[in-house]
Amino acid sequence: MPMIEYTDALQRVLAQALRLPPESCPLEQALGRVTAAVIHSPLALPTFDHAAMDGYALQVREPLAPGSEHAVHGSQAAGDRACAATGDACEIMTGARLPEGLNSVVAVEDTQLLATHADGTPARIRLLQSLDAGQNVRHAGSDVAMGSEALRPGIRIDAAHVMLLAALGIGSIDVVRRPRVAIICTGKELQADRSQPLLAECIHNSNGPYLAAALGEAGAHVHSCVTLDDTAVTYADALARAVDTGVDLVLSTGAVSMGRHDFVPEALRGLGAELLFHGVAIRPGKPLLCARLVHGPLLLALPGTPMAVAAAMRFFVAPVLRTMAGQGTEPVLHAVLDTSQHPKPGLRHFLRATLHLADDGRLHTRVLPQQQPFRIYPYAESGAWVVLPENAGVCNEGSIVEIASLMHGESPRIDRAPP
């Protein structure tokens, strides 16, 4: 099967990513979930006209001039029942509903108290500033109108959205069901139990924990994460278990290249899977494979080197999860390149980099040295990916390049400017 370009491969993957069904979710559990439908406001916000500050409510038809005096009757605090005005003015507190017949509020510091009632409450005031109709009043529906669109579909709920929905009195919302993902890590050299001393011929399995963490951050549910040897039989058994549990996506790592022990492509053909592609013109991760299992989920088989896994997670798996959630594509970000690059022609390069703001306010990026796909430490030190397309050519210092956040659902990490 010939190697294809990134955009072609991504289109083939996304064409197989099915939109997941909705489910009801209590607001208290909605953080990080994705809205499945338009949420309309069941009420106006604010729900009534109320005072924006402590002061006095008055009826203003024409602007009131400084020096005008007004008799004060009654007091209205936040939470008090609505009342009708019985005088020229009414003492009012921040958040209190305006008494019927009054439409403006003068701040207490913009008045002079001239007299008090026997109980010590204000009886007469003088304005020290002019007052216009509607001044210092938060009007009903000025934030959110009743019946208006509060949230559109495809929004990942954050704390600000929770505040809005709670203010609207919404107790539950329809969200997209979380994608269910199975992870299969292949390689007899992988040691999954980190509580035991590392065997001389083994390495710790870092791809499985990484994918589980990255998928969790992306809002997916990791159904299982298993570590297998390098045999087609155990691989087929793990796939069968994943299919039986109804997962939406399978991610496997290792055994997908061209070596004698890279059994995954042939094993998938033997299982009757439809191979969508095997080999993408990217670095790292060129041997990436995508298949549709018979009567089963989509499968992405990733090369086993850590940065090939990280790149595939960010630039293939993350778009699949967004499509399943109905979120669409991410916006493209750019930065000024501070380190010239000479990418190999014909390959799309995903490079680990840092970001900083220059004195001119522009975002700058530095590609880190030691970009070999086995190196994990530079990835942990980076704040973003620099993406150089297949035809980028020589990218000199000062070029504008595409960047992407390090992890799906996060913003790029911007560090302090280097010395």
Protein backbone atom coordinates (compact mmCIF):
# COMPACT_ATOMS: atom_id res chain seq x y z
CA MET A 1 0.00 0.00 0.00
CA PRO A 2 1.63 3.32 -1.06
CA MET A 3 2.45 6.08 1.43
CA ILE A 4 0.03 9.04 1.31
CA GLU A 5 0.18 12.67 2.43
CA TYR A 6 -1.09 13.83 5.81
CA THR A 7 -4.19 15.68 4.57
CA ASP A 8 -5.32 12.67 2.52
CA ALA A 9 -4.75 10.32 5.45
CA LEU A 10 -6.63 12.59 7.85
CA GLN A 11 -9.59 12.85 5.46
CA ARG A 12 -9.78 9.08 5.24
CA VAL A 13 -9.72 8.73 9.01
CA LEU A 14 -12.33 11.40 9.66
CA ALA A 15 -14.65 9.92 7.03
CA GLN A 16 -14.79 6.83 9.27
CA ALA A 17 -15.32 8.75 12.53
CA LEU A 18 -19.02 8.57 13.36
CA ARG A 19 -20.81 11.19 15.44
CA LEU A 20 -21.61 9.73 18.85
CA PRO A 21 -25.13 9.82 20.33
CA PRO A 22 -26.25 12.25 23.04
CA GLU A 23 -26.94 11.49 26.68
CA SER A 24 -28.27 13.52 29.57
CA CYS A 25 -25.73 14.78 32.09
CA PRO A 26 -26.27 16.58 35.44
CA LEU A 27 -24.66 20.00 35.45
CA GLU A 28 -22.45 18.99 38.38
CA GLN A 29 -20.85 16.33 36.17
CA ALA A 30 -20.75 18.32 32.91
CA LEU A 31 -17.25 19.81 33.21
CA GLY A 32 -15.23 18.73 30.18
CA ARG A 33 -18.22 17.26 28.37
CA VAL A 34 -19.30 18.44 24.90
CA THR A 35 -22.74 19.87 24.24
CA ALA A 36 -24.85 17.75 21.91
CA ALA A 37 -27.52 20.31 21.02
CA VAL A 38 -28.35 23.99 21.26
CA ILE A 39 -29.12 25.06 24.82
CA HIS A 40 -31.76 27.78 24.89
CA SER A 41 -32.18 30.04 27.87
CA PRO A 42 -35.30 29.17 29.91
CA LEU A 43 -35.37 32.64 31.47
CA ALA A 44 -34.02 36.14 31.13
CA LEU A 45 -30.75 37.01 32.82
CA PRO A 46 -31.00 39.14 34.89
CA THR A 47 -34.57 38.01 35.56
CA PHE A 48 -35.64 41.46 36.80
CA ASP A 49 -34.46 45.07 36.81
CA HIS A 50 -32.22 45.59 39.82
CA ALA A 51 -29.81 48.10 41.34
CA ALA A 52 -26.18 48.02 40.22
CA MET A 53 -25.01 49.67 43.46
CA ASP A 54 -26.10 50.84 46.89
CA GLY A 55 -28.04 54.09 46.76
CA TYR A 56 -31.53 55.39 46.12
CA ALA A 57 -34.06 54.39 43.47
CA LEU A 58 -35.96 57.23 41.80
CA GLN A 59 -38.33 57.81 38.93
CA VAL A 60 -36.46 59.79 36.25
CA ARG A 61 -38.29 61.05 33.16
CA GLU A 62 -35.95 63.93 32.36
CA PRO A 63 -32.40 64.12 33.71
CA LEU A 64 -32.36 65.28 37.34
CA ALA A 65 -29.98 68.15 38.06
CA PRO A 66 -27.51 68.31 40.95
CA GLY A 67 -29.11 69.95 43.98
CA SER A 68 -32.57 68.45 43.51
CA GLU A 69 -34.04 67.10 46.74
CA HIS A 70 -36.15 63.97 47.21
CA ALA A 71 -38.16 62.43 50.01
CA VAL A 72 -37.15 58.85 50.83
CA HIS A 73 -39.69 56.22 51.88
CA GLY A 74 -38.87 52.57 52.40
CA SER A 75 -35.83 50.38 51.81
CA GLN A 76 -35.25 47.52 49.39
CA ALA A 77 -32.52 44.90 49.87
CA ALA A 78 -31.48 42.03 47.64
CA GLY A 79 -33.94 39.19 48.09
CA ASP A 80 -36.80 41.42 49.31
CA ARG A 81 -40.17 40.89 47.67
CA ALA A 82 -41.15 43.36 44.96
CA CYS A 83 -42.95 46.40 46.28
CA ALA A 84 -44.53 49.51 44.85
CA ALA A 85 -42.90 52.87 45.47
CA THR A 86 -44.68 54.93 48.14
CA GLY A 87 -42.64 58.07 47.78
CA ASP A 88 -40.27 60.08 45.64
CA ALA A 89 -37.31 57.84 46.33
CA CYS A 90 -36.51 54.51 48.00
CA GLU A 91 -33.30 53.37 49.67
CA ILE A 92 -31.95 50.40 47.69
CA MET A 93 -29.08 47.94 47.96
CA THR A 94 -26.95 46.34 45.24
CA GLY A 95 -28.86 43.50 43.55
CA ALA A 96 -32.23 44.55 44.95
CA ARG A 97 -35.25 44.59 42.64
CA LEU A 98 -36.38 48.07 41.66
CA PRO A 99 -39.68 49.06 43.32
CA GLU A 100 -42.52 49.41 40.85
CA GLY A 101 -42.67 52.92 39.45
CA LEU A 102 -38.96 53.68 39.88
CA ASN A 103 -36.45 53.32 37.05
CA SER A 104 -33.06 54.75 38.08
CA VAL A 105 -30.52 54.52 40.91
CA VAL A 106 -28.24 57.20 42.28
CA ALA A 107 -25.16 55.98 44.12
CA VAL A 108 -25.18 56.74 47.85
CA GLU A 109 -21.85 58.57 47.54
CA ASP A 110 -23.43 60.91 44.99
CA THR A 111 -26.03 62.13 47.50
CA GLN A 112 -26.17 64.21 50.68
CA LEU A 113 -28.35 62.94 53.51
CA LEU A 114 -30.49 65.83 54.70
CA ALA A 115 -32.80 64.15 57.22
CA THR A 116 -33.61 60.77 58.77
CA HIS A 117 -36.74 59.08 60.06
CA ALA A 118 -37.19 58.31 63.73
CA ASP A 119 -35.72 54.81 63.21
CA GLY A 120 -32.58 56.29 61.66
CA THR A 121 -33.37 55.39 58.06
CA PRO A 122 -32.92 58.08 55.36
CA ALA A 123 -35.78 60.54 55.03
CA ARG A 124 -34.54 63.14 52.59
CA ILE A 125 -31.58 63.38 50.20
CA ARG A 126 -29.99 65.91 47.85
CA LEU A 127 -28.36 64.85 44.56
CA LEU A 128 -24.71 65.85 44.18
CA GLN A 129 -24.52 64.62 40.56
CA SER A 130 -26.98 64.62 37.66
CA LEU A 131 -29.02 61.43 37.19
CA ASP A 132 -30.27 60.06 33.86
CA ALA A 133 -33.17 57.69 33.25
CA GLY A 134 -32.09 54.07 33.65
CA GLN A 135 -28.75 54.97 35.21
CA ASN A 136 -27.12 52.36 37.47
CA VAL A 137 -29.77 49.75 36.69
CA ARG A 138 -29.13 46.22 35.42
CA HIS A 139 -32.06 45.55 33.14
CA ALA A 140 -33.85 42.23 32.80
CA GLY A 141 -32.53 40.21 29.85
CA SER A 142 -29.57 42.53 29.24
CA ASP A 143 -27.16 39.61 29.75
CA VAL A 144 -29.19 36.75 28.26
CA ALA A 145 -32.62 37.10 26.67
CA MET A 146 -35.26 34.48 27.39
CA GLY A 147 -35.30 31.84 24.65
CA SER A 148 -31.97 32.94 23.16
CA GLU A 149 -29.12 30.55 22.38
CA ALA A 150 -27.04 30.19 25.52
CA LEU A 151 -24.65 27.54 24.16
CA ARG A 152 -24.31 26.00 20.72
CA PRO A 153 -23.54 22.33 19.99
CA GLY A 154 -19.91 21.19 20.10
CA ILE A 155 -18.87 23.35 23.06
CA ARG A 156 -16.61 21.72 25.63
CA ILE A 157 -18.01 22.76 28.99
CA ASP A 158 -15.65 24.70 31.24
CA ALA A 159 -16.15 26.47 34.57
CA ALA A 160 -17.47 29.66 32.89
CA HIS A 161 -20.15 27.64 31.10
CA VAL A 162 -21.10 25.98 34.40
CA MET A 163 -21.56 29.44 35.92
CA LEU A 164 -23.82 30.51 33.04
CA LEU A 165 -25.93 27.35 33.06
CA ALA A 166 -26.31 27.43 36.84
CA ALA A 167 -27.42 31.08 36.68
CA LEU A 168 -30.05 30.04 34.13
CA GLY A 169 -31.33 27.37 36.51
CA ILE A 170 -30.40 24.50 34.18
CA GLY A 171 -29.89 21.27 36.11
CA SER A 172 -28.90 18.92 33.28
CA ILE A 173 -27.86 19.16 29.64
CA ASP A 174 -27.55 16.87 26.63
CA VAL A 175 -23.92 16.02 25.98
CA VAL A 176 -22.18 13.77 23.48
CA ARG A 177 -21.40 10.34 24.86
CA ARG A 178 -17.72 9.96 25.68
CA PRO A 179 -15.77 7.99 23.04
CA ARG A 180 -14.83 4.55 24.38
CA VAL A 181 -11.25 3.66 23.49
CA ALA A 182 -9.20 0.49 23.87
CA ILE A 183 -5.37 0.65 23.97
CA ILE A 184 -3.21 -2.29 22.92
CA CYS A 185 0.56 -2.02 23.39
CA THR A 186 2.64 -4.67 21.64
CA GLY A 187 6.21 -5.72 22.34
CA LYS A 188 7.73 -8.48 24.44
CA GLU A 189 10.30 -5.95 25.62
CA LEU A 190 7.61 -3.87 27.35
CA GLN A 191 7.31 -4.19 31.12
CA ALA A 192 3.92 -2.95 32.29
CA ASP A 193 4.41 -3.46 36.04
CA ARG A 194 6.38 -0.47 37.27
CA SER A 195 6.34 -1.74 40.85
CA GLN A 196 8.86 -4.44 39.91
CA PRO A 197 12.58 -3.97 39.16
CA LEU A 198 13.16 -3.45 35.44
CA LEU A 199 14.43 -6.57 33.74
CA ALA A 200 17.70 -6.20 31.85
CA GLU A 201 16.14 -6.91 28.46
CA CYS A 202 13.02 -4.79 29.02
CA ILE A 203 11.84 -1.17 28.99
CA HIS A 204 8.97 0.37 30.90
CA ASN A 205 5.79 0.76 28.86
CA SER A 206 5.33 4.53 28.61
CA ASN A 207 3.05 4.58 25.55
CA GLY A 208 0.10 2.98 27.34
CA PRO A 209 0.06 5.38 30.31
CA TYR A 210 0.67 8.32 27.97
CA LEU A 211 -2.25 7.44 25.70
CA ALA A 212 -4.53 6.82 28.68
CA ALA A 213 -3.65 10.23 30.11
CA ALA A 214 -3.94 12.04 26.76
CA LEU A 215 -7.26 10.40 25.97
CA GLY A 216 -8.58 11.32 29.41
CA GLU A 217 -7.58 14.94 28.90
CA ALA A 218 -9.34 14.86 25.53
CA GLY A 219 -12.58 13.72 27.15
CA ALA A 220 -12.50 10.06 26.10
CA HIS A 221 -13.18 7.03 28.29
CA VAL A 222 -10.33 4.52 28.27
CA HIS A 223 -12.07 1.17 28.40
CA SER A 224 -8.90 -0.92 28.60
CA CYS A 225 -5.13 -0.70 28.26
CA VAL A 226 -3.26 -3.97 27.78
CA THR A 227 0.36 -4.89 27.07
CA LEU A 228 0.99 -7.88 24.79
CA ASP A 229 3.85 -9.86 23.31
CA ASP A 230 4.75 -9.80 19.62
CA THR A 231 2.33 -12.43 18.32
CA ALA A 232 -0.63 -12.15 16.01
CA VAL A 233 -2.67 -14.54 18.16
CA THR A 234 -2.59 -12.43 21.32
CA TYR A 235 -3.18 -9.29 19.21
CA ALA A 236 -6.24 -10.84 17.56
CA ASP A 237 -7.57 -11.92 20.96
CA ALA A 238 -7.18 -8.38 22.34
CA LEU A 239 -8.96 -6.93 19.30
CA ALA A 240 -11.81 -9.42 19.71
CA ARG A 241 -12.26 -8.43 23.36
CA ALA A 242 -12.29 -4.74 22.41
CA VAL A 243 -14.89 -5.32 19.69
CA ASP A 244 -17.06 -7.37 22.07
CA THR A 245 -17.12 -4.53 24.59
CA GLY A 246 -18.35 -2.05 22.00
CA VAL A 247 -15.49 0.44 21.96
CA ASP A 248 -15.57 3.22 19.37
CA LEU A 249 -11.84 3.35 18.68
CA VAL A 250 -8.85 1.03 19.10
CA LEU A 251 -5.30 2.37 19.38
CA SER A 252 -2.40 -0.05 19.15
CA THR A 253 1.30 0.70 19.39
CA GLY A 254 4.23 -1.10 17.82
CA ALA A 255 4.71 -3.89 15.26
CA VAL A 256 3.41 -1.76 12.39
CA SER A 257 6.54 -0.99 10.37
CA MET A 258 8.34 -3.14 7.80
CA GLY A 259 10.44 -5.42 10.01
CA ARG A 260 10.15 -9.20 10.26
CA HIS A 261 8.36 -8.92 13.63
CA ASP A 262 5.97 -6.18 12.51
CA PHE A 263 2.95 -8.46 12.32
CA VAL A 264 0.08 -5.98 12.72
CA PRO A 265 -0.65 -5.25 9.01
CA GLU A 266 -0.79 -8.93 8.09
CA ALA A 267 -2.78 -9.80 11.21
CA LEU A 268 -5.41 -7.19 10.31
CA ARG A 269 -5.67 -8.49 6.76
CA GLY A 270 -6.15 -11.99 8.17
CA LEU A 271 -9.01 -10.71 10.31
CA GLY A 272 -10.71 -9.21 7.25
CA ALA A 273 -10.17 -5.60 8.32
CA GLU A 274 -10.37 -2.87 5.68
CA LEU A 275 -7.00 -1.08 5.54
CA LEU A 276 -7.56 2.58 4.76
CA PHE A 277 -3.87 3.40 4.56
CA HIS A 278 -0.49 2.18 5.79
CA GLY A 279 2.24 4.77 5.69
CA VAL A 280 1.88 8.55 5.88
CA ALA A 281 4.39 11.15 4.73
CA ILE A 282 5.00 12.52 8.21
CA ARG A 283 7.88 12.68 10.67
CA PRO A 284 7.69 11.21 13.23
CA GLY A 285 5.21 8.37 12.69
CA LYS A 286 5.57 7.44 9.02
CA PRO A 287 4.44 3.76 9.40
CA LEU A 288 1.02 4.79 10.82
CA LEU A 289 -1.82 2.48 9.78
CA CYS A 290 -5.58 2.97 9.82
CA ALA A 291 -8.19 0.24 9.39
CA ARG A 292 -11.87 -0.43 9.91
CA LEU A 293 -12.46 -3.70 11.73
CA VAL A 294 -15.15 -6.05 10.45
CA HIS A 295 -18.42 -5.09 12.18
CA GLY A 296 -16.31 -3.15 14.61
CA PRO A 297 -14.59 0.11 15.48
CA LEU A 298 -12.02 2.26 13.76
CA LEU A 299 -8.40 1.26 14.48
CA LEU A 300 -5.25 3.34 14.40
CA ALA A 301 -2.03 1.34 14.66
CA LEU A 302 0.80 3.62 15.76
CA PRO A 303 4.55 3.07 15.56
CA GLY A 304 6.02 2.24 18.96
CA THR A 305 8.52 5.10 19.36
CA PRO A 306 7.27 7.64 21.93
CA MET A 307 7.20 10.72 19.71
CA ALA A 308 5.48 8.84 16.89
CA VAL A 309 2.78 7.97 19.42
CA ALA A 310 2.58 11.58 20.67
CA ALA A 311 2.35 13.01 17.13
CA ALA A 312 -0.30 10.48 16.11
CA MET A 313 -2.31 11.26 19.24
CA ARG A 314 -2.20 15.01 18.58
CA PHE A 315 -2.67 15.08 14.80
CA PHE A 316 -4.81 12.01 14.11
CA VAL A 317 -6.53 10.77 17.27
CA ALA A 318 -7.49 14.24 18.53
CA PRO A 319 -9.26 15.19 15.25
CA VAL A 320 -11.09 11.84 15.35
CA LEU A 321 -12.32 12.56 18.87
CA ARG A 322 -13.43 16.07 17.86
CA THR A 323 -15.35 14.66 14.89
CA MET A 324 -17.04 12.07 17.10
CA ALA A 325 -18.09 14.89 19.40
CA GLY A 326 -19.29 17.13 16.56
CA GLN A 327 -16.70 19.80 17.31
CA GLY A 328 -15.23 20.31 13.84
CA THR A 329 -11.71 21.47 13.12
CA GLU A 330 -9.44 23.48 15.37
CA PRO A 331 -8.34 27.02 14.46
CA VAL A 332 -4.86 27.27 12.94
CA LEU A 333 -2.32 29.20 15.02
CA HIS A 334 0.94 30.79 13.88
CA ALA A 335 4.15 32.10 15.39
CA VAL A 336 7.45 33.66 14.33
CA LEU A 337 10.20 31.07 13.94
CA ASP A 338 13.39 31.86 15.88
CA THR A 339 15.37 28.78 14.84
CA SER A 340 15.86 28.13 11.14
CA GLN A 341 14.82 24.68 9.90
CA HIS A 342 15.76 22.53 6.91
CA PRO A 343 12.99 19.91 6.74
CA LYS A 344 13.22 16.92 4.45
CA PRO A 345 11.11 17.57 1.33
CA GLY A 346 7.95 15.53 0.92
CA LEU A 347 7.32 15.00 4.63
CA ARG A 348 5.13 16.94 7.04
CA HIS A 349 7.21 17.54 10.15
CA PHE A 350 5.83 17.76 13.69
CA LEU A 351 8.52 19.41 15.83
CA ARG A 352 8.57 19.97 19.58
CA ALA A 353 9.06 23.63 20.42
CA THR A 354 8.79 26.34 23.05
CA LEU A 355 6.81 29.59 22.77
CA HIS A 356 7.40 33.07 24.14
CA LEU A 357 6.08 36.60 23.61
CA ALA A 358 8.59 39.07 22.22
CA ASP A 359 8.73 42.74 23.16
CA ASP A 360 6.73 43.57 20.03
CA GLY A 361 3.85 41.45 21.34
CA ARG A 362 4.23 38.74 18.69
CA LEU A 363 4.34 35.06 19.54
CA HIS A 364 7.71 33.45 18.80
CA THR A 365 8.70 29.79 18.71
CA ARG A 366 11.99 27.95 19.13
CA VAL A 367 12.27 24.40 17.83
CA LEU A 368 14.06 22.32 20.44
CA PRO A 369 17.23 20.40 19.55
CA GLN A 370 17.30 16.60 19.71
CA GLN A 371 14.10 15.90 17.78
CA GLN A 372 14.77 12.15 17.51
CA PRO A 373 11.52 10.24 18.04
CA PHE A 374 12.84 8.17 20.96
CA ARG A 375 13.57 11.26 23.10
CA ILE A 376 10.86 11.98 25.68
CA TYR A 377 12.53 14.70 27.76
CA PRO A 378 12.36 17.45 25.06
CA TYR A 379 8.65 16.69 24.68
CA ALA A 380 8.11 17.24 28.40
CA GLU A 381 10.01 20.54 28.12
CA SER A 382 8.09 21.83 25.08
CA GLY A 383 4.98 23.97 25.01
CA ALA A 384 3.73 23.44 21.46
CA TRP A 385 4.24 21.66 18.15
CA VAL A 386 5.65 23.42 15.12
CA VAL A 387 4.08 22.01 11.96
CA LEU A 388 6.05 22.28 8.72
CA PRO A 389 4.12 21.11 5.61
CA GLU A 390 5.52 18.82 2.93
CA ASN A 391 6.54 21.72 0.68
CA ALA A 392 7.89 24.03 3.43
CA GLY A 393 11.42 24.19 2.02
CA VAL A 394 14.06 26.02 4.01
CA CYS A 395 12.43 27.92 6.88
CA ASN A 396 14.67 30.81 7.87
CA GLU A 397 14.61 32.65 11.16
CA GLY A 398 11.71 35.11 11.08
CA SER A 399 9.45 32.86 9.00
CA ILE A 400 5.81 32.53 10.04
CA VAL A 401 5.05 28.90 10.86
CA GLU A 402 2.02 26.93 11.97
CA ILE A 403 1.89 25.85 15.60
CA ALA A 404 -0.44 23.60 17.58
CA SER A 405 -0.93 23.14 21.30
CA LEU A 406 1.01 20.28 22.81
CA MET A 407 -2.15 18.41 23.84
CA HIS A 408 -5.67 18.48 22.46
CA GLY A 409 -8.01 20.69 24.47
CA GLU A 410 -5.20 22.78 25.92
CA SER A 411 -3.81 26.16 24.97
CA PRO A 412 -0.18 26.38 23.84
CA ARG A 413 2.11 26.95 26.82
CA ILE A 414 3.84 30.31 26.59
CA ASP A 415 7.05 30.62 28.59
CA ARG A 416 9.04 33.66 29.56
CA ALA A 417 11.27 35.04 26.83
CA PRO A 418 14.68 33.34 26.71
CA PRO A 419 17.69 35.42 27.78
